[in-house]
Amino acid sequence: MTRRSWLKDSPAAAVVLPIIGLAATIALWWGATIVFAIEPYLLPSPWDVVVKFFEQPGMLLTETGTSLLETIEGFLLAIVIGVPIALLIVRSVILERLVYPLLLMVNSIPKVAVAPLLVVWMGFGQWPKVVMVLLMCFFPIVISTAQGMKSTPSELVELMRSLNASRTQEFFKLRLRYAMPQIFTGFKVAISLAVIGSVIAEFVGATKGLGYIIQQSGASADTTLAFAAITLLSVMSIVLFYGLALLEHLLLPWARETR
């Protein structure tokens, strides 16, 4: 195996290279704070962030759990609503032309502008945050699912029908199989947006969550605590993304073989 093929195909490289990239980013961050003598209240060093985390680990982990729960609930709700809508769109050209402009309109609305309205409509509980995550995830899930379902080669569809396959067999054994890689691509895009959605919602009318911690830290000029919360959000996003990538790896072995 050549060095280039090892970097592309080796499972070890898939783990080592992201770690190297992360370590290089942290090193550049740390080096910048030293070389330019940046004050900690403007840009804390990675060590300052680690120290701040261990000063308040219970509080930060509790708020991380709150944001994680909102993110997962909104993401799953987007799948439950978005995938069936995408399947209906694929089945009907009329429905596609009717719904697509509405989807584009909803997706183009700045979500920051919607967050206060969700608080007015739903109160200060968890639901405004879950719905915000749903709004962030909905569009990529619908689009990727619809495009994936359309990607099935027409000659294979004709072959299935010539073998008297039922609609159910055609869907599960052919169309869904071809669509799954693209559906998972939409899921991975959506899960990153889900974390952003939970933070946006927590900026408005929240009393807990990492977004709330970041907002309160900014108001009190505690930049180090804000960076600790941002770091935890980044870790949460990475774990969720690679968790989906691992699930795709396990469920879709044929997708790896065709790449």
C-alpha atoms as a PDB file:
ATOM      1  CA  MET A   1       0.000   0.000   0.000  1.00  0.00           C
ATOM      2  CA  THR A   2       1.415   3.373  -1.028  1.00  0.00           C
ATOM      3  CA  ARG A   3       1.488   6.331   1.354  1.00  0.00           C
ATOM      4  CA  ARG A   4      -1.247   8.093  -0.617  1.00  0.00           C
ATOM      5  CA  SER A   5      -3.544   5.063  -0.626  1.00  0.00           C
ATOM      6  CA  TRP A   6      -2.913   4.580   3.106  1.00  0.00           C
ATOM      7  CA  LEU A   7      -3.966   8.165   3.780  1.00  0.00           C
ATOM      8  CA  LYS A   8      -7.139   7.663   1.723  1.00  0.00           C
ATOM      9  CA  ASP A   9      -8.202   4.126   2.650  1.00  0.00           C
ATOM     10  CA  SER A  10      -6.692   3.169   6.009  1.00  0.00           C
ATOM     11  CA  PRO A  11      -9.055   3.144   9.021  1.00  0.00           C
ATOM     12  CA  ALA A  12      -6.121   4.287  11.155  1.00  0.00           C
ATOM     13  CA  ALA A  13      -5.632   7.329   8.940  1.00  0.00           C
ATOM     14  CA  ALA A  14      -9.305   8.207   9.346  1.00  0.00           C
ATOM     15  CA  VAL A  15      -8.645   8.527  13.089  1.00  0.00           C
ATOM     16  CA  VAL A  16      -5.105   9.916  13.094  1.00  0.00           C
ATOM     17  CA  LEU A  17      -5.539  12.696  10.513  1.00  0.00           C
ATOM     18  CA  PRO A  18      -8.430  14.482  12.297  1.00  0.00           C
ATOM     19  CA  ILE A  19      -6.469  14.310  15.558  1.00  0.00           C
ATOM     20  CA  ILE A  20      -3.436  15.850  13.856  1.00  0.00           C
ATOM     21  CA  GLY A  21      -5.602  18.608  12.390  1.00  0.00           C
ATOM     22  CA  LEU A  22      -7.172  19.321  15.779  1.00  0.00           C
ATOM     23  CA  ALA A  23      -3.784  19.339  17.509  1.00  0.00           C
ATOM     24  CA  ALA A  24      -2.378  21.728  14.889  1.00  0.00           C
ATOM     25  CA  THR A  25      -5.327  24.099  15.365  1.00  0.00           C
ATOM     26  CA  ILE A  26      -4.867  24.116  19.146  1.00  0.00           C
ATOM     27  CA  ALA A  27      -1.130  24.708  18.712  1.00  0.00           C
ATOM     28  CA  LEU A  28      -1.744  27.686  16.417  1.00  0.00           C
ATOM     29  CA  TRP A  29      -4.291  29.093  18.870  1.00  0.00           C
ATOM     30  CA  TRP A  30      -1.907  28.685  21.801  1.00  0.00           C
ATOM     31  CA  GLY A  31       1.013  30.094  19.814  1.00  0.00           C
ATOM     32  CA  ALA A  32      -0.997  33.157  18.791  1.00  0.00           C
ATOM     33  CA  THR A  33      -1.826  33.997  22.412  1.00  0.00           C
ATOM     34  CA  ILE A  34       1.895  33.789  23.308  1.00  0.00           C
ATOM     35  CA  VAL A  35       3.467  35.482  20.274  1.00  0.00           C
ATOM     36  CA  PHE A  36       1.016  38.390  20.183  1.00  0.00           C
ATOM     37  CA  ALA A  37       0.706  38.600  23.997  1.00  0.00           C
ATOM     38  CA  ILE A  38      -3.073  38.568  23.812  1.00  0.00           C
ATOM     39  CA  GLU A  39      -4.808  39.277  27.108  1.00  0.00           C
ATOM     40  CA  PRO A  40      -6.907  36.362  28.444  1.00  0.00           C
ATOM     41  CA  TYR A  41     -10.058  38.492  28.554  1.00  0.00           C
ATOM     42  CA  LEU A  42      -9.734  38.947  24.767  1.00  0.00           C
ATOM     43  CA  LEU A  43      -8.541  35.468  23.778  1.00  0.00           C
ATOM     44  CA  PRO A  44      -7.796  32.906  26.491  1.00  0.00           C
ATOM     45  CA  SER A  45      -5.220  30.224  25.822  1.00  0.00           C
ATOM     46  CA  PRO A  46      -6.267  26.558  25.550  1.00  0.00           C
ATOM     47  CA  TRP A  47      -4.788  25.975  29.007  1.00  0.00           C
ATOM     48  CA  ASP A  48      -6.936  28.763  30.485  1.00  0.00           C
ATOM     49  CA  VAL A  49     -10.003  27.102  28.966  1.00  0.00           C
ATOM     50  CA  VAL A  50      -9.062  23.710  30.442  1.00  0.00           C
ATOM     51  CA  VAL A  51      -8.528  25.272  33.871  1.00  0.00           C
ATOM     52  CA  LYS A  52     -11.893  27.026  33.678  1.00  0.00           C
ATOM     53  CA  PHE A  53     -13.601  23.753  32.784  1.00  0.00           C
ATOM     54  CA  PHE A  54     -12.131  21.974  35.819  1.00  0.00           C
ATOM     55  CA  GLU A  55     -13.201  24.869  38.028  1.00  0.00           C
ATOM     56  CA  GLN A  56     -16.870  24.277  37.127  1.00  0.00           C
ATOM     57  CA  PRO A  57     -17.128  20.802  35.568  1.00  0.00           C
ATOM     58  CA  GLY A  58     -20.517  19.922  37.059  1.00  0.00           C
ATOM     59  CA  MET A  59     -22.232  23.064  35.826  1.00  0.00           C
ATOM     60  CA  LEU A  60     -20.720  22.895  32.346  1.00  0.00           C
ATOM     61  CA  LEU A  61     -21.511  19.193  31.885  1.00  0.00           C
ATOM     62  CA  THR A  62     -25.086  19.741  33.085  1.00  0.00           C
ATOM     63  CA  GLU A  63     -25.592  22.544  30.558  1.00  0.00           C
ATOM     64  CA  THR A  64     -23.983  20.377  27.884  1.00  0.00           C
ATOM     65  CA  GLY A  65     -26.548  17.668  28.624  1.00  0.00           C
ATOM     66  CA  THR A  66     -29.351  20.204  28.244  1.00  0.00           C
ATOM     67  CA  SER A  67     -28.100  21.382  24.844  1.00  0.00           C
ATOM     68  CA  LEU A  68     -27.435  17.806  23.728  1.00  0.00           C
ATOM     69  CA  LEU A  69     -30.967  16.723  24.592  1.00  0.00           C
ATOM     70  CA  GLU A  70     -32.499  19.659  22.690  1.00  0.00           C
ATOM     71  CA  THR A  71     -30.268  18.937  19.706  1.00  0.00           C
ATOM     72  CA  ILE A  72     -31.100  15.234  19.505  1.00  0.00           C
ATOM     73  CA  GLU A  73     -34.832  15.737  20.042  1.00  0.00           C
ATOM     74  CA  GLY A  74     -35.065  18.396  17.331  1.00  0.00           C
ATOM     75  CA  PHE A  75     -32.940  16.332  14.940  1.00  0.00           C
ATOM     76  CA  LEU A  76     -35.044  13.198  15.395  1.00  0.00           C
ATOM     77  CA  LEU A  77     -38.233  15.225  15.014  1.00  0.00           C
ATOM     78  CA  ALA A  78     -36.885  16.661  11.753  1.00  0.00           C
ATOM     79  CA  ILE A  79     -36.264  13.111  10.486  1.00  0.00           C
ATOM     80  CA  VAL A  80     -39.729  11.927  11.524  1.00  0.00           C
ATOM     81  CA  ILE A  81     -41.401  14.853   9.729  1.00  0.00           C
ATOM     82  CA  GLY A  82     -38.943  15.511   6.899  1.00  0.00           C
ATOM     83  CA  VAL A  83     -38.436  12.022   5.464  1.00  0.00           C
ATOM     84  CA  PRO A  84     -42.175  11.270   4.900  1.00  0.00           C
ATOM     85  CA  ILE A  85     -42.637  14.704   3.295  1.00  0.00           C
ATOM     86  CA  ALA A  86     -39.700  13.997   0.974  1.00  0.00           C
ATOM     87  CA  LEU A  87     -41.213  10.634  -0.002  1.00  0.00           C
ATOM     88  CA  LEU A  88     -44.517  12.332  -0.811  1.00  0.00           C
ATOM     89  CA  ILE A  89     -42.718  14.943  -2.893  1.00  0.00           C
ATOM     90  CA  VAL A  90     -40.976  12.209  -4.900  1.00  0.00           C
ATOM     91  CA  ARG A  91     -44.274  10.446  -5.590  1.00  0.00           C
ATOM     92  CA  SER A  92     -46.087  13.558  -6.858  1.00  0.00           C
ATOM     93  CA  VAL A  93     -44.769  16.168  -9.304  1.00  0.00           C
ATOM     94  CA  ILE A  94     -47.704  18.425  -8.428  1.00  0.00           C
ATOM     95  CA  LEU A  95     -46.875  18.236  -4.720  1.00  0.00           C
ATOM     96  CA  GLU A  96     -43.210  18.869  -5.459  1.00  0.00           C
ATOM     97  CA  ARG A  97     -44.005  22.060  -7.355  1.00  0.00           C
ATOM     98  CA  LEU A  98     -46.401  23.087  -4.620  1.00  0.00           C
ATOM     99  CA  VAL A  99     -44.148  22.434  -1.628  1.00  0.00           C
ATOM    100  CA  TYR A 100     -40.632  23.312  -2.833  1.00  0.00           C
ATOM    101  CA  PRO A 101     -41.225  27.097  -2.934  1.00  0.00           C
ATOM    102  CA  LEU A 102     -42.617  26.918   0.600  1.00  0.00           C
ATOM    103  CA  LEU A 103     -39.567  24.969   1.774  1.00  0.00           C
ATOM    104  CA  LEU A 104     -37.235  27.530   0.185  1.00  0.00           C
ATOM    105  CA  MET A 105     -39.187  30.363   1.782  1.00  0.00           C
ATOM    106  CA  VAL A 106     -39.027  28.815   5.260  1.00  0.00           C
ATOM    107  CA  ASN A 107     -35.335  27.984   4.859  1.00  0.00           C
ATOM    108  CA  SER A 108     -34.481  31.552   3.780  1.00  0.00           C
ATOM    109  CA  ILE A 109     -35.970  33.124   6.917  1.00  0.00           C
ATOM    110  CA  PRO A 110     -33.179  34.110   9.361  1.00  0.00           C
ATOM    111  CA  LYS A 111     -33.567  31.755  12.282  1.00  0.00           C
ATOM    112  CA  VAL A 112     -32.356  34.412  14.723  1.00  0.00           C
ATOM    113  CA  ALA A 113     -35.476  36.417  13.831  1.00  0.00           C
ATOM    114  CA  VAL A 114     -37.725  33.419  14.527  1.00  0.00           C
ATOM    115  CA  ALA A 115     -36.286  32.600  17.969  1.00  0.00           C
ATOM    116  CA  PRO A 116     -38.121  35.393  19.881  1.00  0.00           C
ATOM    117  CA  LEU A 117     -41.396  34.457  18.185  1.00  0.00           C
ATOM    118  CA  LEU A 118     -41.016  30.839  19.292  1.00  0.00           C
ATOM    119  CA  VAL A 119     -40.637  32.036  22.871  1.00  0.00           C
ATOM    120  CA  VAL A 120     -43.815  34.120  22.527  1.00  0.00           C
ATOM    121  CA  TRP A 121     -45.751  31.202  21.037  1.00  0.00           C
ATOM    122  CA  MET A 122     -44.386  28.350  23.193  1.00  0.00           C
ATOM    123  CA  GLY A 123     -43.063  29.938  26.369  1.00  0.00           C
ATOM    124  CA  PHE A 124     -39.701  29.532  28.060  1.00  0.00           C
ATOM    125  CA  GLY A 125     -39.567  25.749  28.213  1.00  0.00           C
ATOM    126  CA  GLN A 126     -37.735  23.239  26.057  1.00  0.00           C
ATOM    127  CA  TRP A 127     -40.093  23.263  23.071  1.00  0.00           C
ATOM    128  CA  PRO A 128     -38.876  26.550  21.490  1.00  0.00           C
ATOM    129  CA  LYS A 129     -35.355  25.115  21.408  1.00  0.00           C
ATOM    130  CA  VAL A 130     -36.498  21.795  19.945  1.00  0.00           C
ATOM    131  CA  VAL A 131     -38.558  23.535  17.257  1.00  0.00           C
ATOM    132  CA  MET A 132     -35.613  25.794  16.362  1.00  0.00           C
ATOM    133  CA  VAL A 133     -33.430  22.716  15.862  1.00  0.00           C
ATOM    134  CA  LEU A 134     -36.225  21.212  13.755  1.00  0.00           C
ATOM    135  CA  LEU A 135     -36.296  24.312  11.539  1.00  0.00           C
ATOM    136  CA  MET A 136     -32.527  24.175  11.066  1.00  0.00           C
ATOM    137  CA  CYS A 137     -32.494  20.464  10.157  1.00  0.00           C
ATOM    138  CA  PHE A 138     -35.686  20.180   8.151  1.00  0.00           C
ATOM    139  CA  PHE A 139     -34.550  21.554   4.779  1.00  0.00           C
ATOM    140  CA  PRO A 140     -31.331  19.515   4.266  1.00  0.00           C
ATOM    141  CA  ILE A 141     -33.094  16.322   5.358  1.00  0.00           C
ATOM    142  CA  VAL A 142     -36.012  16.828   2.955  1.00  0.00           C
ATOM    143  CA  ILE A 143     -33.812  17.816   0.018  1.00  0.00           C
ATOM    144  CA  SER A 144     -31.251  15.025   0.471  1.00  0.00           C
ATOM    145  CA  THR A 145     -33.968  12.391   0.903  1.00  0.00           C
ATOM    146  CA  ALA A 146     -35.900  13.576  -2.152  1.00  0.00           C
ATOM    147  CA  GLN A 147     -32.793  13.716  -4.334  1.00  0.00           C
ATOM    148  CA  GLY A 148     -31.634  10.346  -3.077  1.00  0.00           C
ATOM    149  CA  MET A 149     -34.957   8.717  -3.937  1.00  0.00           C
ATOM    150  CA  LYS A 150     -34.679  10.161  -7.453  1.00  0.00           C
ATOM    151  CA  SER A 151     -31.161   8.794  -7.950  1.00  0.00           C
ATOM    152  CA  THR A 152     -32.269   5.201  -8.612  1.00  0.00           C
ATOM    153  CA  PRO A 153     -31.248   4.144 -12.165  1.00  0.00           C
ATOM    154  CA  SER A 154     -34.367   3.876 -14.323  1.00  0.00           C
ATOM    155  CA  GLU A 155     -33.161   0.639 -15.950  1.00  0.00           C
ATOM    156  CA  LEU A 156     -33.096  -1.081 -12.549  1.00  0.00           C
ATOM    157  CA  VAL A 157     -36.603   0.165 -11.809  1.00  0.00           C
ATOM    158  CA  GLU A 158     -37.781  -1.304 -15.101  1.00  0.00           C
ATOM    159  CA  LEU A 159     -36.010  -4.569 -14.295  1.00  0.00           C
ATOM    160  CA  MET A 160     -37.751  -4.822 -10.917  1.00  0.00           C
ATOM    161  CA  ARG A 161     -41.120  -4.164 -12.522  1.00  0.00           C
ATOM    162  CA  SER A 162     -40.462  -6.761 -15.239  1.00  0.00           C
ATOM    163  CA  LEU A 163     -39.913  -9.277 -12.441  1.00  0.00           C
ATOM    164  CA  ASN A 164     -43.353  -8.402 -11.045  1.00  0.00           C
ATOM    165  CA  ALA A 165     -41.912  -6.813  -7.921  1.00  0.00           C
ATOM    166  CA  SER A 166     -44.473  -5.060  -5.765  1.00  0.00           C
ATOM    167  CA  ARG A 167     -44.264  -1.343  -4.943  1.00  0.00           C
ATOM    168  CA  THR A 168     -43.122  -2.248  -1.453  1.00  0.00           C
ATOM    169  CA  GLN A 169     -40.339  -4.496  -2.738  1.00  0.00           C
ATOM    170  CA  GLU A 170     -39.279  -1.847  -5.249  1.00  0.00           C
ATOM    171  CA  PHE A 171     -39.104   0.759  -2.491  1.00  0.00           C
ATOM    172  CA  PHE A 172     -37.214  -1.214   0.153  1.00  0.00           C
ATOM    173  CA  LYS A 173     -34.975  -3.377  -2.041  1.00  0.00           C
ATOM    174  CA  LEU A 174     -34.043  -0.812  -4.691  1.00  0.00           C
ATOM    175  CA  ARG A 175     -34.999   2.833  -4.204  1.00  0.00           C
ATOM    176  CA  LEU A 176     -34.221   3.062  -0.496  1.00  0.00           C
ATOM    177  CA  ARG A 177     -30.924   1.226  -0.971  1.00  0.00           C
ATOM    178  CA  TYR A 178     -29.766   3.728  -3.584  1.00  0.00           C
ATOM    179  CA  ALA A 179     -31.068   6.689  -1.596  1.00  0.00           C
ATOM    180  CA  MET A 180     -29.490   5.869   1.769  1.00  0.00           C
ATOM    181  CA  PRO A 181     -25.984   7.296   1.110  1.00  0.00           C
ATOM    182  CA  GLN A 182     -27.463  10.629   0.072  1.00  0.00           C
ATOM    183  CA  ILE A 183     -29.948  10.550   2.950  1.00  0.00           C
ATOM    184  CA  PHE A 184     -27.078  10.086   5.391  1.00  0.00           C
ATOM    185  CA  THR A 185     -25.266  12.999   3.761  1.00  0.00           C
ATOM    186  CA  GLY A 186     -28.284  15.147   4.565  1.00  0.00           C
ATOM    187  CA  PHE A 187     -28.343  13.781   8.114  1.00  0.00           C
ATOM    188  CA  LYS A 188     -24.694  14.728   8.657  1.00  0.00           C
ATOM    189  CA  VAL A 189     -25.270  18.241   7.346  1.00  0.00           C
ATOM    190  CA  ALA A 190     -28.373  18.550   9.518  1.00  0.00           C
ATOM    191  CA  ILE A 191     -26.727  17.357  12.742  1.00  0.00           C
ATOM    192  CA  SER A 192     -24.135  20.141  12.505  1.00  0.00           C
ATOM    193  CA  LEU A 193     -26.893  22.683  11.919  1.00  0.00           C
ATOM    194  CA  ALA A 194     -28.831  21.184  14.842  1.00  0.00           C
ATOM    195  CA  VAL A 195     -26.153  22.252  17.309  1.00  0.00           C
ATOM    196  CA  ILE A 196     -26.232  25.774  15.872  1.00  0.00           C
ATOM    197  CA  GLY A 197     -30.019  25.822  16.177  1.00  0.00           C
ATOM    198  CA  SER A 198     -29.963  24.863  19.848  1.00  0.00           C
ATOM    199  CA  VAL A 199     -27.485  27.655  20.616  1.00  0.00           C
ATOM    200  CA  ILE A 200     -29.536  30.258  18.723  1.00  0.00           C
ATOM    201  CA  ALA A 201     -32.635  29.265  20.675  1.00  0.00           C
ATOM    202  CA  GLU A 202     -30.759  29.385  23.991  1.00  0.00           C
ATOM    203  CA  PHE A 203     -29.663  32.954  23.306  1.00  0.00           C
ATOM    204  CA  VAL A 204     -33.322  34.016  23.591  1.00  0.00           C
ATOM    205  CA  GLY A 205     -35.500  33.272  26.604  1.00  0.00           C
ATOM    206  CA  ALA A 206     -33.382  30.467  28.072  1.00  0.00           C
ATOM    207  CA  THR A 207     -32.158  29.884  31.609  1.00  0.00           C
ATOM    208  CA  LYS A 208     -29.963  26.892  30.883  1.00  0.00           C
ATOM    209  CA  GLY A 209     -27.903  25.350  28.103  1.00  0.00           C
ATOM    210  CA  LEU A 210     -24.493  26.179  26.660  1.00  0.00           C
ATOM    211  CA  GLY A 211     -25.936  29.001  24.557  1.00  0.00           C
ATOM    212  CA  TYR A 212     -27.233  30.620  27.740  1.00  0.00           C
ATOM    213  CA  ILE A 213     -23.795  30.211  29.372  1.00  0.00           C
ATOM    214  CA  ILE A 214     -22.121  31.906  26.387  1.00  0.00           C
ATOM    215  CA  GLN A 215     -24.579  34.802  26.505  1.00  0.00           C
ATOM    216  CA  GLN A 216     -24.164  35.314  30.251  1.00  0.00           C
ATOM    217  CA  SER A 217     -20.371  35.030  29.978  1.00  0.00           C
ATOM    218  CA  GLY A 218     -20.317  37.745  27.348  1.00  0.00           C
ATOM    219  CA  ALA A 219     -22.417  40.013  29.521  1.00  0.00           C
ATOM    220  CA  SER A 220     -20.016  39.528  32.461  1.00  0.00           C
ATOM    221  CA  ALA A 221     -16.854  39.648  30.281  1.00  0.00           C
ATOM    222  CA  ASP A 222     -15.906  36.102  31.352  1.00  0.00           C
ATOM    223  CA  THR A 223     -14.387  35.182  27.992  1.00  0.00           C
ATOM    224  CA  THR A 224     -12.701  32.062  29.320  1.00  0.00           C
ATOM    225  CA  LEU A 225     -16.018  30.557  30.437  1.00  0.00           C
ATOM    226  CA  ALA A 226     -17.515  31.428  27.047  1.00  0.00           C
ATOM    227  CA  PHE A 227     -14.655  29.636  25.304  1.00  0.00           C
ATOM    228  CA  ALA A 228     -15.104  26.616  27.572  1.00  0.00           C
ATOM    229  CA  ALA A 229     -18.779  26.455  26.538  1.00  0.00           C
ATOM    230  CA  ILE A 230     -17.871  26.933  22.858  1.00  0.00           C
ATOM    231  CA  THR A 231     -15.305  24.128  23.128  1.00  0.00           C
ATOM    232  CA  LEU A 232     -17.920  21.793  24.592  1.00  0.00           C
ATOM    233  CA  LEU A 233     -20.302  22.694  21.759  1.00  0.00           C
ATOM    234  CA  SER A 234     -17.571  21.882  19.250  1.00  0.00           C
ATOM    235  CA  VAL A 235     -16.863  18.537  20.910  1.00  0.00           C
ATOM    236  CA  MET A 236     -20.591  17.743  20.965  1.00  0.00           C
ATOM    237  CA  SER A 237     -20.922  18.564  17.263  1.00  0.00           C
ATOM    238  CA  ILE A 238     -17.895  16.427  16.358  1.00  0.00           C
ATOM    239  CA  VAL A 239     -19.158  13.456  18.387  1.00  0.00           C
ATOM    240  CA  LEU A 240     -22.634  13.646  16.845  1.00  0.00           C
ATOM    241  CA  PHE A 241     -21.251  13.979  13.301  1.00  0.00           C
ATOM    242  CA  TYR A 242     -18.834  11.075  13.594  1.00  0.00           C
ATOM    243  CA  GLY A 243     -21.466   9.029  15.393  1.00  0.00           C
ATOM    244  CA  LEU A 244     -23.654   9.354  12.303  1.00  0.00           C
ATOM    245  CA  ALA A 245     -20.659   8.604  10.074  1.00  0.00           C
ATOM    246  CA  LEU A 246     -20.019   5.417  12.086  1.00  0.00           C
ATOM    247  CA  LEU A 247     -23.684   4.425  11.814  1.00  0.00           C
ATOM    248  CA  GLU A 248     -23.519   4.962   8.049  1.00  0.00           C
ATOM    249  CA  HIS A 249     -20.336   2.875   7.922  1.00  0.00           C
ATOM    250  CA  LEU A 250     -22.058   0.002   9.720  1.00  0.00           C
ATOM    251  CA  LEU A 251     -25.416   0.135   7.938  1.00  0.00           C
ATOM    252  CA  LEU A 252     -24.280   0.877   4.385  1.00  0.00           C
ATOM    253  CA  PRO A 253     -21.271  -1.338   3.566  1.00  0.00           C
ATOM    254  CA  TRP A 254     -22.120  -1.183  -0.145  1.00  0.00           C
ATOM    255  CA  ALA A 255     -21.728   2.594  -0.115  1.00  0.00           C
ATOM    256  CA  ARG A 256     -18.069   2.235   0.923  1.00  0.00           C
ATOM    257  CA  GLU A 257     -17.411  -0.257  -1.833  1.00  0.00           C
ATOM    258  CA  THR A 258     -18.677   2.098  -4.562  1.00  0.00           C
ATOM    259  CA  ARG A 259     -16.585   5.096  -3.489  1.00  0.00           C
END
